[in-house]
Amino acid sequence: MDIARNHQTGPVQIGDIALRQNISVKYLEQLVRPLKKAKLVSSVRGPRGGYIMAQSPTKITLGQVVRIFEGASDIVAGEDASGSDEMEDDSQVQIAWKNATAAMRAELDTITISDLSHGKLSTTKT
């Protein structure tokens, strides 16, 4: 988020991010590695170097970022194929969780980093 907010001004130094976000440099370095590997951010070397967005924040979704850090695994384990009546209720719960996971992922895929960095989200009431 910090890199996205400041990407117009040039490379963002990790020390500056650490100060603004009150996060250790060491921890930030661990977070940046997978983002760099996924080609969402790039590094610029030199005295005025730092990190820049490798893609426009309007093209990167929160879903992409979550999958980088959390993977694509389901919230619950796969269904038991035993077919027993005892497992039927568990199977229905697993199906419900899988559907909820799919809905959450679909929603995260509609939210861009630009939306987040510009405060364009609002709460929805159901």
C-alpha atoms as a PDB file:
ATOM      1  CA  MET A   1       0.000   0.000   0.000  1.00  0.00           C
ATOM      2  CA  ASP A   2       2.757   2.421   0.910  1.00  0.00           C
ATOM      3  CA  ILE A   3       4.598   1.833  -2.361  1.00  0.00           C
ATOM      4  CA  ALA A   4       1.335   2.301  -4.281  1.00  0.00           C
ATOM      5  CA  ARG A   5       0.541   5.557  -2.467  1.00  0.00           C
ATOM      6  CA  ASN A   6       3.993   6.941  -3.157  1.00  0.00           C
ATOM      7  CA  HIS A   7       4.737   5.413  -6.562  1.00  0.00           C
ATOM      8  CA  GLN A   8       4.280   8.715  -8.416  1.00  0.00           C
ATOM      9  CA  THR A   9       7.246  10.272  -6.617  1.00  0.00           C
ATOM     10  CA  GLY A  10       9.741   7.573  -7.638  1.00  0.00           C
ATOM     11  CA  PRO A  11      11.328   4.662  -5.817  1.00  0.00           C
ATOM     12  CA  VAL A  12      10.231   4.235  -2.215  1.00  0.00           C
ATOM     13  CA  GLN A  13      12.951   3.288   0.234  1.00  0.00           C
ATOM     14  CA  ILE A  14      12.192   0.446   2.591  1.00  0.00           C
ATOM     15  CA  GLY A  15      13.474   2.456   5.563  1.00  0.00           C
ATOM     16  CA  ASP A  16      10.915   5.178   4.815  1.00  0.00           C
ATOM     17  CA  ILE A  17       8.117   2.600   4.604  1.00  0.00           C
ATOM     18  CA  ALA A  18       9.252   1.119   7.919  1.00  0.00           C
ATOM     19  CA  LEU A  19       9.063   4.521   9.609  1.00  0.00           C
ATOM     20  CA  ARG A  20       5.680   5.457   8.148  1.00  0.00           C
ATOM     21  CA  GLN A  21       4.096   2.069   8.861  1.00  0.00           C
ATOM     22  CA  ASN A  22       5.894   1.344  12.140  1.00  0.00           C
ATOM     23  CA  ILE A  23       7.138  -2.011  10.808  1.00  0.00           C
ATOM     24  CA  SER A  24      10.671  -3.364  11.053  1.00  0.00           C
ATOM     25  CA  VAL A  25      12.868  -3.210   7.962  1.00  0.00           C
ATOM     26  CA  LYS A  26      13.637  -6.905   8.345  1.00  0.00           C
ATOM     27  CA  TYR A  27       9.930  -7.812   8.247  1.00  0.00           C
ATOM     28  CA  LEU A  28       9.300  -5.525   5.263  1.00  0.00           C
ATOM     29  CA  GLU A  29      12.141  -7.190   3.370  1.00  0.00           C
ATOM     30  CA  GLN A  30      10.376 -10.529   3.889  1.00  0.00           C
ATOM     31  CA  LEU A  31       7.125  -9.057   2.549  1.00  0.00           C
ATOM     32  CA  VAL A  32       8.694  -7.453  -0.491  1.00  0.00           C
ATOM     33  CA  ARG A  33      10.453 -10.631  -1.708  1.00  0.00           C
ATOM     34  CA  PRO A  34       7.298 -12.497  -2.805  1.00  0.00           C
ATOM     35  CA  LEU A  35       5.842  -9.307  -4.312  1.00  0.00           C
ATOM     36  CA  LYS A  36       9.024  -8.878  -6.317  1.00  0.00           C
ATOM     37  CA  LYS A  37       9.008 -12.525  -7.369  1.00  0.00           C
ATOM     38  CA  ALA A  38       5.397 -12.115  -8.548  1.00  0.00           C
ATOM     39  CA  LYS A  39       6.499  -9.014 -10.504  1.00  0.00           C
ATOM     40  CA  LEU A  40       4.148  -6.672  -8.678  1.00  0.00           C
ATOM     41  CA  VAL A  41       7.013  -4.508  -7.414  1.00  0.00           C
ATOM     42  CA  SER A  42      10.509  -3.880  -8.756  1.00  0.00           C
ATOM     43  CA  SER A  43      13.655  -2.672  -7.079  1.00  0.00           C
ATOM     44  CA  VAL A  44      15.791   0.234  -8.213  1.00  0.00           C
ATOM     45  CA  ARG A  45      19.429   0.251  -7.129  1.00  0.00           C
ATOM     46  CA  GLY A  46      21.477   3.229  -6.129  1.00  0.00           C
ATOM     47  CA  PRO A  47      21.422   6.068  -3.612  1.00  0.00           C
ATOM     48  CA  ARG A  48      17.962   7.169  -4.755  1.00  0.00           C
ATOM     49  CA  GLY A  49      16.820   3.584  -5.200  1.00  0.00           C
ATOM     50  CA  GLY A  50      14.045   1.698  -3.540  1.00  0.00           C
ATOM     51  CA  TYR A  51      10.894  -0.074  -4.637  1.00  0.00           C
ATOM     52  CA  ILE A  52       8.429   0.910  -7.326  1.00  0.00           C
ATOM     53  CA  MET A  53       5.226  -0.627  -8.599  1.00  0.00           C
ATOM     54  CA  ALA A  54       6.014  -2.976 -11.488  1.00  0.00           C
ATOM     55  CA  GLN A  55       2.411  -2.657 -12.635  1.00  0.00           C
ATOM     56  CA  SER A  56      -0.158   0.061 -12.232  1.00  0.00           C
ATOM     57  CA  PRO A  57      -1.983  -0.107  -8.873  1.00  0.00           C
ATOM     58  CA  THR A  58      -5.199  -0.056 -10.928  1.00  0.00           C
ATOM     59  CA  LYS A  59      -4.252  -3.436 -12.423  1.00  0.00           C
ATOM     60  CA  ILE A  60      -3.262  -5.277  -9.227  1.00  0.00           C
ATOM     61  CA  THR A  61      -6.074  -6.740  -7.160  1.00  0.00           C
ATOM     62  CA  LEU A  62      -6.195  -7.481  -3.477  1.00  0.00           C
ATOM     63  CA  GLY A  63      -7.005 -11.065  -4.491  1.00  0.00           C
ATOM     64  CA  GLN A  64      -3.652 -11.359  -6.261  1.00  0.00           C
ATOM     65  CA  VAL A  65      -1.795 -10.125  -3.207  1.00  0.00           C
ATOM     66  CA  VAL A  66      -3.697 -12.412  -0.831  1.00  0.00           C
ATOM     67  CA  ARG A  67      -2.932 -15.436  -3.025  1.00  0.00           C
ATOM     68  CA  ILE A  68       0.767 -14.527  -3.014  1.00  0.00           C
ATOM     69  CA  PHE A  69       0.896 -14.606   0.779  1.00  0.00           C
ATOM     70  CA  GLU A  70      -1.828 -17.117   1.615  1.00  0.00           C
ATOM     71  CA  GLY A  71      -1.753 -19.385  -1.422  1.00  0.00           C
ATOM     72  CA  ALA A  72      -4.803 -20.703  -3.220  1.00  0.00           C
ATOM     73  CA  SER A  73      -5.700 -23.306  -0.604  1.00  0.00           C
ATOM     74  CA  ASP A  74      -9.231 -23.651   0.676  1.00  0.00           C
ATOM     75  CA  ILE A  75     -10.210 -22.624   4.187  1.00  0.00           C
ATOM     76  CA  VAL A  76     -11.200 -26.238   4.912  1.00  0.00           C
ATOM     77  CA  ALA A  77      -9.757 -29.554   3.810  1.00  0.00           C
ATOM     78  CA  GLY A  78     -11.239 -31.505   0.910  1.00  0.00           C
ATOM     79  CA  GLU A  79     -14.415 -33.534   1.238  1.00  0.00           C
ATOM     80  CA  ASP A  80     -14.366 -37.062   2.598  1.00  0.00           C
ATOM     81  CA  ALA A  81     -15.375 -39.519  -0.109  1.00  0.00           C
ATOM     82  CA  SER A  82     -16.470 -42.292   2.269  1.00  0.00           C
ATOM     83  CA  GLY A  83     -20.154 -41.661   1.588  1.00  0.00           C
ATOM     84  CA  SER A  84     -21.212 -42.502   5.147  1.00  0.00           C
ATOM     85  CA  ASP A  85     -24.262 -40.805   6.671  1.00  0.00           C
ATOM     86  CA  GLU A  86     -22.088 -39.525   9.520  1.00  0.00           C
ATOM     87  CA  MET A  87     -19.961 -37.599   7.044  1.00  0.00           C
ATOM     88  CA  GLU A  88     -22.915 -36.112   5.144  1.00  0.00           C
ATOM     89  CA  ASP A  89     -23.340 -33.193   7.571  1.00  0.00           C
ATOM     90  CA  ASP A  90     -19.602 -32.532   7.529  1.00  0.00           C
ATOM     91  CA  SER A  91     -19.676 -32.599   3.742  1.00  0.00           C
ATOM     92  CA  GLN A  92     -22.428 -29.984   3.656  1.00  0.00           C
ATOM     93  CA  VAL A  93     -20.438 -27.752   5.996  1.00  0.00           C
ATOM     94  CA  GLN A  94     -17.372 -28.140   3.776  1.00  0.00           C
ATOM     95  CA  ILE A  95     -19.437 -27.215   0.721  1.00  0.00           C
ATOM     96  CA  ALA A  96     -20.718 -24.120   2.541  1.00  0.00           C
ATOM     97  CA  TRP A  97     -17.143 -23.108   3.466  1.00  0.00           C
ATOM     98  CA  LYS A  98     -15.939 -23.669  -0.094  1.00  0.00           C
ATOM     99  CA  ASN A  99     -18.756 -21.496  -1.421  1.00  0.00           C
ATOM    100  CA  ALA A 100     -17.946 -18.793   1.135  1.00  0.00           C
ATOM    101  CA  THR A 101     -14.264 -18.965   0.189  1.00  0.00           C
ATOM    102  CA  ALA A 102     -15.124 -18.624  -3.508  1.00  0.00           C
ATOM    103  CA  ALA A 103     -17.341 -15.596  -2.769  1.00  0.00           C
ATOM    104  CA  MET A 104     -14.598 -13.963  -0.693  1.00  0.00           C
ATOM    105  CA  ARG A 105     -12.000 -14.531  -3.411  1.00  0.00           C
ATOM    106  CA  ALA A 106     -14.345 -13.152  -6.057  1.00  0.00           C
ATOM    107  CA  GLU A 107     -14.840 -10.000  -3.974  1.00  0.00           C
ATOM    108  CA  LEU A 108     -11.094  -9.582  -3.353  1.00  0.00           C
ATOM    109  CA  ASP A 109     -10.511  -9.854  -7.097  1.00  0.00           C
ATOM    110  CA  THR A 110     -12.716  -6.776  -7.653  1.00  0.00           C
ATOM    111  CA  ILE A 111     -10.712  -4.551  -5.296  1.00  0.00           C
ATOM    112  CA  THR A 112      -7.598  -2.945  -6.724  1.00  0.00           C
ATOM    113  CA  ILE A 113      -4.605  -1.647  -4.826  1.00  0.00           C
ATOM    114  CA  SER A 114      -5.520   1.763  -6.232  1.00  0.00           C
ATOM    115  CA  ASP A 115      -8.985   1.466  -4.649  1.00  0.00           C
ATOM    116  CA  LEU A 116      -7.381   0.734  -1.285  1.00  0.00           C
ATOM    117  CA  SER A 117      -4.735   3.434  -1.471  1.00  0.00           C
ATOM    118  CA  HIS A 118      -7.287   6.086  -2.445  1.00  0.00           C
ATOM    119  CA  GLY A 119      -9.902   5.068   0.146  1.00  0.00           C
ATOM    120  CA  LYS A 120     -12.528   4.131  -2.445  1.00  0.00           C
ATOM    121  CA  LEU A 121     -14.086   1.300  -0.438  1.00  0.00           C
ATOM    122  CA  SER A 122     -17.173   1.526   1.691  1.00  0.00           C
ATOM    123  CA  THR A 123     -18.855  -1.008   3.914  1.00  0.00           C
ATOM    124  CA  THR A 124     -21.749  -2.934   2.482  1.00  0.00           C
ATOM    125  CA  LYS A 125     -24.746  -3.865   4.552  1.00  0.00           C
ATOM    126  CA  THR A 126     -26.659  -7.009   3.840  1.00  0.00           C
END
